[in-house]
Protein backbone atom coordinates (compact mmCIF):
# COMPACT_ATOMS: atom_id res chain seq x y z
CA MET A 1 -9.09 67.34 -22.82
CA ALA A 2 -6.16 69.04 -21.13
CA GLU A 3 -8.21 72.23 -20.91
CA ASN A 4 -10.90 70.43 -18.85
CA MET A 5 -8.47 69.25 -16.15
CA HIS A 6 -8.22 71.10 -12.88
CA GLU A 7 -4.96 72.92 -12.39
CA LEU A 8 -4.22 71.08 -9.09
CA ALA A 9 -4.78 67.61 -10.61
CA PRO A 10 -1.62 65.67 -11.49
CA HIS A 11 -0.88 65.65 -15.18
CA HIS A 12 0.58 62.16 -15.17
CA LEU A 13 -1.23 59.18 -13.48
CA PRO A 14 0.65 55.95 -12.59
CA PRO A 15 -0.16 52.92 -14.77
CA PHE A 16 -1.62 50.81 -11.91
CA ILE A 17 -4.61 53.12 -11.49
CA PRO A 18 -7.56 51.69 -13.45
CA ALA A 19 -9.01 53.59 -16.32
CA ALA A 20 -12.45 55.15 -16.27
CA ASP A 21 -13.89 52.27 -18.37
CA GLY A 22 -13.23 49.77 -15.48
CA GLY A 23 -10.50 47.80 -17.25
CA ASP A 24 -7.74 46.95 -14.78
CA TRP A 25 -4.87 45.17 -16.49
CA LEU A 26 -2.87 44.77 -13.25
CA PHE A 27 -5.77 42.92 -11.58
CA THR A 28 -6.12 40.61 -14.58
CA VAL A 29 -2.40 39.81 -14.64
CA MET A 30 -2.30 39.14 -10.89
CA LEU A 31 -5.39 36.90 -11.10
CA VAL A 32 -3.75 34.76 -13.81
CA VAL A 33 -0.46 34.61 -11.85
CA LEU A 34 -2.24 33.57 -8.63
CA ILE A 35 -4.30 30.84 -10.30
CA PHE A 36 -1.30 29.49 -12.20
CA GLY A 37 0.88 29.74 -9.08
CA GLY A 38 -1.72 27.92 -6.96
CA ILE A 39 -1.87 25.06 -9.45
CA LEU A 40 1.95 24.86 -9.57
CA VAL A 41 2.21 24.81 -5.77
CA GLY A 42 -0.40 22.02 -5.59
CA VAL A 43 1.40 19.93 -8.20
CA PHE A 44 4.71 20.47 -6.43
CA TYR A 45 3.16 19.47 -3.08
CA LEU A 46 1.68 16.26 -4.49
CA HIS A 47 4.93 15.46 -6.31
CA LEU A 48 6.90 16.00 -3.12
CA HIS A 49 4.37 13.98 -1.17
CA SER A 50 4.74 10.97 -3.50
CA ILE A 51 8.52 10.68 -3.05
CA PRO A 52 8.33 7.80 -0.50
CA GLU A 53 6.04 5.76 -2.75
CA ARG A 54 8.30 6.25 -5.75
CA LEU A 55 11.32 5.20 -3.67
CA ALA A 56 9.56 2.12 -2.24
CA HIS A 57 8.38 0.98 -5.67
CA LYS A 58 11.61 -0.97 -6.20
CA HIS A 59 11.17 -2.90 -2.93
CA GLY A 60 8.72 -5.69 -2.27
CA ARG A 61 4.96 -5.36 -2.55
CA MET A 62 4.30 -5.47 1.19
CA GLN A 63 6.77 -2.67 1.89
CA PHE A 64 5.35 -0.60 -0.97
CA GLU A 65 1.83 -1.00 0.39
CA LEU A 66 2.92 0.03 3.89
CA VAL A 67 4.61 3.14 2.50
CA ALA A 68 1.55 3.95 0.39
CA VAL A 69 -0.78 3.67 3.39
CA LEU A 70 1.49 5.87 5.49
CA GLY A 71 1.62 8.39 2.64
CA LEU A 72 -2.18 8.49 2.39
CA LEU A 73 -2.48 8.91 6.16
CA ALA A 74 -0.05 11.80 6.00
CA LEU A 75 -1.92 13.36 3.09
CA PHE A 76 -5.37 13.20 4.67
CA THR A 77 -4.48 13.85 8.32
CA HIS A 78 -1.74 16.44 7.72
CA ASN A 79 0.41 14.68 10.31
CA ASN A 80 3.95 14.90 9.00
CA ILE A 81 5.15 12.03 11.20
CA PHE A 82 3.39 9.58 8.86
CA TRP A 83 5.22 11.04 5.86
CA VAL A 84 8.56 10.88 7.69
CA ALA A 85 7.86 7.26 8.68
CA ALA A 86 6.97 6.42 5.07
CA LEU A 87 10.17 8.07 3.85
CA LEU A 88 12.31 6.16 6.36
CA LEU A 89 10.56 2.89 5.51
CA ALA A 90 11.13 3.56 1.81
CA PHE A 91 14.87 4.00 2.33
CA ILE A 92 15.27 0.88 4.49
CA GLN A 93 15.38 -2.53 2.83
CA LEU A 94 13.33 -4.89 5.01
CA PRO A 95 14.91 -8.33 5.44
CA ASP A 96 13.30 -11.33 3.79
CA PHE A 97 11.68 -13.26 6.64
CA TRP A 98 9.45 -15.38 4.44
CA THR A 99 12.11 -17.48 2.66
CA PRO A 100 13.76 -18.83 5.86
CA LEU A 101 10.35 -19.58 7.36
CA GLU A 102 9.33 -21.51 4.25
CA SER A 103 12.60 -23.41 4.39
CA MET A 104 12.06 -24.30 8.05
CA ALA A 105 8.49 -25.41 7.36
CA HIS A 106 9.64 -27.55 4.45
CA SER A 107 12.37 -29.17 6.58
CA LEU A 108 9.96 -29.83 9.43
CA SER A 109 7.43 -31.41 7.10
CA ARG A 110 10.17 -33.68 5.73
CA LEU A 111 11.13 -34.62 9.29
CA ALA A 112 7.47 -35.32 10.07
CA GLY A 113 7.40 -37.77 7.20
CA THR A 114 5.17 -35.91 4.80
CA GLY A 115 7.98 -35.78 2.28
CA GLY A 116 8.15 -32.03 2.02
CA VAL A 117 4.60 -31.71 0.75
CA SER A 118 3.09 -28.29 1.40
CA SER A 119 0.47 -27.99 4.11
CA GLU A 120 -2.15 -26.82 1.59
CA THR A 121 -1.76 -30.09 -0.32
CA LEU A 122 -2.09 -32.08 2.90
CA VAL A 123 -5.20 -30.17 3.94
CA GLU A 124 -6.77 -30.74 0.53
CA HIS A 125 -5.89 -34.43 0.75
CA ASP A 126 -7.40 -34.66 4.24
CA LEU A 127 -10.58 -32.92 3.10
CA GLU A 128 -10.90 -35.33 0.18
CA GLN A 129 -10.34 -38.25 2.55
CA GLU A 130 -13.05 -36.96 4.92
CA ASP A 131 -15.46 -36.57 2.00
CA GLN A 132 -14.78 -40.15 0.93
CA GLU A 133 -15.35 -41.35 4.49
CA LEU A 134 -18.64 -39.49 4.71
CA GLU A 135 -19.76 -41.00 1.41
CA ALA A 136 -18.88 -44.46 2.72
CA GLY A 137 -20.96 -43.79 5.85
CA MET A 138 -18.04 -43.91 8.26
CA SER A 139 -16.98 -41.12 10.56
CA ALA A 140 -13.47 -40.59 11.83
CA SER A 141 -14.33 -42.29 15.15
CA ASP A 142 -15.74 -45.42 13.43
CA GLN A 143 -12.54 -46.16 11.56
CA PRO A 144 -10.53 -49.18 12.62
CA PRO A 145 -7.03 -48.46 13.89
CA PRO A 146 -4.41 -48.34 11.13
CA THR A 147 -2.39 -51.43 10.38
CA PRO A 148 1.37 -51.31 11.01
CA ALA A 149 2.11 -51.08 7.27
CA ASP A 150 -0.35 -48.21 6.91
CA HIS A 151 0.72 -46.55 10.17
CA SER A 152 3.23 -44.07 8.65
CA THR A 153 0.76 -42.43 6.27
CA ALA A 154 -2.11 -42.39 8.77
CA SER A 155 0.02 -40.93 11.56
CA THR A 156 1.35 -38.11 9.39
CA ALA A 157 -2.17 -37.20 8.27
CA GLU A 158 -3.33 -37.22 11.90
CA GLN A 159 -0.33 -35.15 12.92
CA GLU A 160 -1.00 -32.67 10.18
CA ASN A 161 -4.66 -32.43 11.20
CA LYS A 162 -3.58 -31.59 14.73
CA HIS A 163 -1.42 -28.71 13.45
CA VAL A 164 -3.96 -27.32 10.99
């Protein structure tokens, strides 16, 4: 074979030049590296993107849902401000506003004379009372005024109806 080569042709070819049969090992290796690298970059991006949700998981459900929505907005809109907001919200512990509000509502219902009964129970009781009145054929306007002994329970139900 050496006798068929031209005298000006180089006697040694570099390994990155493909052979005459079309097999290119460098192209095959680079294709595998690029596909594997693309998958790794995607996994790293999604892992990095889920950091705020993993941090907010230990907080309350409402805060976790807010962080998750901000994370999805950042993922689909490619606006990084949503991701930064989600990260900041994940690091900040939101104060518990619900417990003091429940306590105030409970105290106010005790002051109103309902005995600290929840408003859902009072609404259910009022609905049952209206159903009984409708079955008896009386509407709320046809009822006689409450007697003084029955005044405390009737007035609290009326007061609760005004607030609901």
